[in-house]
Amino acid sequence: MNPQDHPCHFDSLDQELYRDFEQLRMQQRETDADLLHRVRALTAQQLTRRIDYISLMTGQPKSLQLGTLLTHVFHHQTHHRGQITTLLSQLGADFGETDMSWMPDVN
């Protein structure tokens, strides 16, 4: 799949993309599968390619290697998962085990 097949535009970092949770869940699954497919197909050389973009935070042009950008994507998800578990804990919800050594099916 080509990125041009599904152009994506964001106006701000707090833009709500989906109001319906099931629609969000379905789109997240599709996005995750697409990202996994793309990452698996990358070569080491492709990871060094620079990507130019405009920062939504500063409005300034930026340029980073694709490998650095992908590392940020995966790392930043961890940050947001931590926020979610904090909020669930504050609400008294049991969000389950987060330590990999205690998760089912981990050897």
Protein backbone atom coordinates (compact mmCIF):
# COMPACT_ATOMS: atom_id res chain seq x y z
CA MET A 1 0.00 0.00 0.00
CA ASN A 2 1.25 3.44 -0.86
CA PRO A 3 0.97 6.31 1.70
CA GLN A 4 -0.67 8.34 -1.06
CA ASP A 5 -3.52 5.82 -1.09
CA HIS A 6 -4.65 7.10 2.31
CA PRO A 7 -3.69 10.74 2.77
CA CYS A 8 -3.90 11.88 6.34
CA HIS A 9 -4.24 15.47 7.48
CA PHE A 10 -4.15 16.77 11.04
CA ASP A 11 -5.07 20.28 12.09
CA SER A 12 -3.86 19.96 15.67
CA LEU A 13 -2.54 17.42 18.18
CA ASP A 14 -5.86 17.39 20.04
CA GLN A 15 -7.96 16.73 16.95
CA GLU A 16 -10.63 14.08 17.55
CA LEU A 17 -10.53 11.63 14.66
CA TYR A 18 -13.34 9.28 15.71
CA ARG A 19 -16.26 9.93 18.05
CA ASP A 20 -17.44 6.31 18.05
CA PHE A 21 -15.21 3.95 20.09
CA GLU A 22 -15.89 0.92 17.88
CA GLN A 23 -14.95 2.91 14.80
CA LEU A 24 -11.76 4.02 16.59
CA ARG A 25 -10.96 0.42 17.59
CA MET A 26 -11.48 -0.84 14.03
CA GLN A 27 -9.35 1.93 12.54
CA GLN A 28 -6.60 1.33 15.11
CA ARG A 29 -6.46 -2.36 14.20
CA GLU A 30 -6.19 -1.49 10.51
CA THR A 31 -3.53 1.13 11.19
CA ASP A 32 -1.52 -1.25 13.39
CA ALA A 33 -1.64 -3.99 10.74
CA ASP A 34 -0.61 -1.55 8.02
CA LEU A 35 2.26 -0.18 10.10
CA LEU A 36 3.50 -3.67 10.96
CA HIS A 37 3.40 -4.66 7.28
CA ARG A 38 5.35 -1.55 6.28
CA VAL A 39 7.98 -1.89 9.02
CA ARG A 40 8.61 -5.56 8.24
CA ALA A 41 9.31 -4.65 4.62
CA LEU A 42 11.92 -1.97 5.44
CA THR A 43 15.62 -2.46 4.83
CA ALA A 44 18.42 -1.00 6.96
CA GLN A 45 19.21 1.43 4.15
CA GLN A 46 15.61 2.66 3.99
CA LEU A 47 15.69 3.41 7.73
CA THR A 48 18.42 6.01 7.10
CA ARG A 49 16.28 7.96 4.60
CA ARG A 50 15.42 11.43 5.87
CA ILE A 51 11.80 12.51 6.15
CA ASP A 52 10.97 16.22 5.97
CA TYR A 53 7.88 17.46 7.79
CA ILE A 54 6.37 20.42 9.62
CA SER A 55 6.07 20.04 13.39
CA LEU A 56 2.50 20.43 14.66
CA MET A 57 3.92 21.60 17.99
CA THR A 58 6.18 24.37 16.70
CA GLY A 59 5.11 24.92 13.10
CA GLN A 60 8.80 24.63 12.16
CA PRO A 61 10.22 22.39 9.44
CA LYS A 62 11.97 19.25 10.70
CA SER A 63 13.99 16.48 9.09
CA LEU A 64 14.70 13.14 10.77
CA GLN A 65 15.75 9.69 9.65
CA LEU A 66 12.88 7.25 9.16
CA GLY A 67 14.37 4.92 11.79
CA THR A 68 14.35 7.73 14.36
CA LEU A 69 10.75 8.62 13.51
CA LEU A 70 9.61 5.00 13.85
CA THR A 71 11.42 4.68 17.18
CA HIS A 72 9.52 7.76 18.33
CA VAL A 73 6.18 6.29 17.21
CA PHE A 74 6.69 3.08 19.17
CA HIS A 75 8.21 4.81 22.21
CA HIS A 76 5.51 7.48 22.39
CA GLN A 77 2.78 4.81 22.50
CA THR A 78 4.34 3.62 25.77
CA HIS A 79 3.97 7.11 27.21
CA HIS A 80 0.26 7.22 26.39
CA ARG A 81 -0.34 3.70 27.70
CA GLY A 82 1.16 4.84 30.99
CA GLN A 83 -1.27 7.75 31.06
CA ILE A 84 -4.20 5.40 30.44
CA THR A 85 -3.20 2.97 33.19
CA THR A 86 -2.79 5.89 35.61
CA LEU A 87 -6.30 7.15 34.82
CA LEU A 88 -7.81 3.67 35.09
CA SER A 89 -6.06 3.14 38.42
CA GLN A 90 -7.37 6.48 39.72
CA LEU A 91 -10.87 5.32 38.77
CA GLY A 92 -10.36 2.08 40.71
CA ALA A 93 -10.28 -0.12 37.60
CA ASP A 94 -8.08 -3.20 37.36
CA PHE A 95 -6.23 -2.77 34.07
CA GLY A 96 -4.45 -6.12 34.37
CA GLU A 97 -0.81 -7.08 34.54
CA THR A 98 1.71 -4.87 32.78
CA ASP A 99 4.94 -6.65 33.73
CA MET A 100 5.89 -8.89 30.82
CA SER A 101 7.34 -11.53 33.12
CA TRP A 102 3.86 -12.10 34.61
CA MET A 103 1.84 -11.98 31.38
CA PRO A 104 0.26 -15.16 30.03
CA ASP A 105 2.16 -16.86 27.22
CA VAL A 106 5.48 -15.13 28.01
CA ASN A 107 8.35 -17.56 28.54
